[in-house]
Protein backbone atom coordinates (compact mmCIF):
# COMPACT_ATOMS: atom_id res chain seq x y z
CA UNK A 1 -5.60 9.95 -1.64
CA UNK A 2 -4.37 6.93 0.28
CA UNK A 3 -3.71 7.16 3.99
CA UNK A 4 -1.43 5.31 6.36
CA UNK A 5 -2.31 4.69 9.96
CA UNK A 6 0.22 5.87 12.51
CA UNK A 7 1.14 2.22 13.19
CA UNK A 8 1.83 1.60 9.48
CA UNK A 9 3.87 4.80 9.20
CA UNK A 10 6.02 3.87 12.19
CA UNK A 11 6.64 0.42 10.70
CA UNK A 12 7.67 1.94 7.35
CA UNK A 13 10.00 4.46 9.03
CA UNK A 14 11.69 1.72 11.03
CA UNK A 15 12.05 -0.51 7.97
CA UNK A 16 13.57 2.29 5.87
CA UNK A 17 15.96 3.18 8.71
CA UNK A 18 17.03 -0.46 9.00
CA UNK A 19 17.40 -0.73 5.21
CA UNK A 20 19.49 2.44 5.16
CA UNK A 21 17.79 4.04 2.15
CA UNK A 22 14.40 4.77 0.65
CA UNK A 23 12.13 7.70 -0.10
CA UNK A 24 8.96 6.04 1.14
CA UNK A 25 6.53 3.27 0.30
CA UNK A 26 5.37 2.46 -3.23
CA UNK A 27 1.83 1.05 -3.32
CA UNK A 28 0.15 -0.29 -6.43
CA UNK A 29 -1.94 -3.04 -7.97
CA UNK A 30 -1.19 -5.80 -10.45
CA UNK A 31 -3.30 -8.28 -12.32
CA UNK A 32 -3.27 -11.56 -10.37
CA UNK A 33 -5.35 -13.94 -8.29
CA UNK A 34 -8.80 -15.34 -8.84
CA UNK A 35 -10.52 -11.94 -8.42
CA UNK A 36 -8.22 -10.17 -10.86
CA UNK A 37 -6.07 -7.74 -8.82
CA UNK A 38 -3.55 -7.85 -6.00
CA UNK A 39 -1.91 -5.08 -4.02
CA UNK A 40 1.81 -4.45 -4.39
CA UNK A 41 3.94 -2.86 -1.71
CA UNK A 42 7.66 -2.11 -1.96
CA UNK A 43 10.23 0.45 -0.95
CA UNK A 44 10.33 3.51 -3.16
CA UNK A 45 13.83 4.61 -4.16
CA UNK A 46 12.82 6.82 -7.09
CA UNK A 47 9.80 8.99 -7.82
CA UNK A 48 8.77 9.23 -11.49
CA UNK A 49 6.98 12.10 -13.20
CA UNK A 50 3.75 10.08 -13.46
CA UNK A 51 3.74 9.16 -9.76
CA UNK A 52 1.38 10.75 -7.24
CA UNK A 53 2.82 11.30 -3.76
CA UNK A 54 0.91 11.55 -0.48
CA UNK A 55 2.51 12.12 2.92
CA UNK A 56 1.18 10.64 6.15
CA UNK A 57 3.02 10.91 9.48
CA UNK A 58 6.15 12.04 7.59
CA UNK A 59 6.10 8.96 5.31
CA UNK A 60 5.73 9.34 1.55
CA UNK A 61 3.25 7.00 -0.13
CA UNK A 62 3.96 6.81 -3.87
CA UNK A 63 1.36 5.57 -6.37
CA UNK A 64 1.57 5.52 -10.15
CA UNK A 65 -1.22 7.41 -11.90
CA UNK A 66 -2.70 4.24 -13.43
CA UNK A 67 -3.26 2.57 -10.04
CA UNK A 68 -4.57 5.70 -8.31
CA UNK A 69 -8.28 5.29 -9.26
CA UNK A 70 -8.26 1.74 -7.82
CA UNK A 71 -6.65 2.94 -4.57
CA UNK A 72 -8.39 6.29 -4.12
CA UNK A 73 -9.60 6.60 -0.53
CA UNK A 74 -7.84 3.45 0.68
CA UNK A 75 -6.33 3.16 4.14
CA UNK A 76 -3.24 1.08 4.87
CA UNK A 77 -2.63 -0.29 8.35
CA UNK A 78 0.04 -2.56 9.81
CA UNK A 79 -1.46 -5.24 12.02
CA UNK A 80 -0.20 -8.06 14.21
CA UNK A 81 -2.52 -11.04 14.61
CA UNK A 82 -1.32 -14.07 16.51
CA UNK A 83 2.06 -15.06 15.10
CA UNK A 84 1.55 -13.13 11.84
CA UNK A 85 1.91 -9.50 10.96
CA UNK A 86 1.66 -7.38 7.84
CA UNK A 87 -0.03 -4.61 5.94
CA UNK A 88 -3.81 -4.60 5.69
CA UNK A 89 -5.82 -2.54 3.21
CA UNK A 90 -9.23 -1.00 3.71
CA UNK A 91 -10.28 0.03 0.20
CA UNK A 92 -13.72 1.54 -0.52
CA UNK A 93 -13.35 0.73 -4.25
CA UNK A 94 -13.36 -3.06 -3.78
CA UNK A 95 -16.54 -4.73 -5.03
CA UNK A 96 -15.41 -8.35 -4.63
CA UNK A 97 -12.69 -10.46 -3.06
CA UNK A 98 -11.59 -14.04 -3.50
CA UNK A 99 -12.25 -16.52 -0.72
CA UNK A 100 -8.66 -16.48 0.55
CA UNK A 101 -8.58 -12.66 0.66
CA UNK A 102 -5.44 -12.26 -1.47
CA UNK A 103 -7.07 -10.73 -4.54
CA UNK A 104 -9.87 -8.29 -5.24
CA UNK A 105 -11.88 -6.62 -7.98
CA UNK A 106 -13.00 -3.01 -8.43
């Protein structure tokens, strides 16, 4: 299971409303960066048979079955720090991160 904070859910709802379409948020991982993996986040317009769907604060979080073990138990928040803002992961499966914080390993 992956959870969204209420702040993240409200941000996703507002973004989908502004966009005018979307079933939820697709979260995944891809091979990249100096530690090997990076998170991916995008709107979800279609749910496939091999996707796993969780609902938090009325927002669907869609994850493909391959990425699920790397994201199991993760929490996704939306934070504002200074002039920047964005999604922030708290993932109990991470065993290492690169120095810049953009990639991780499990």
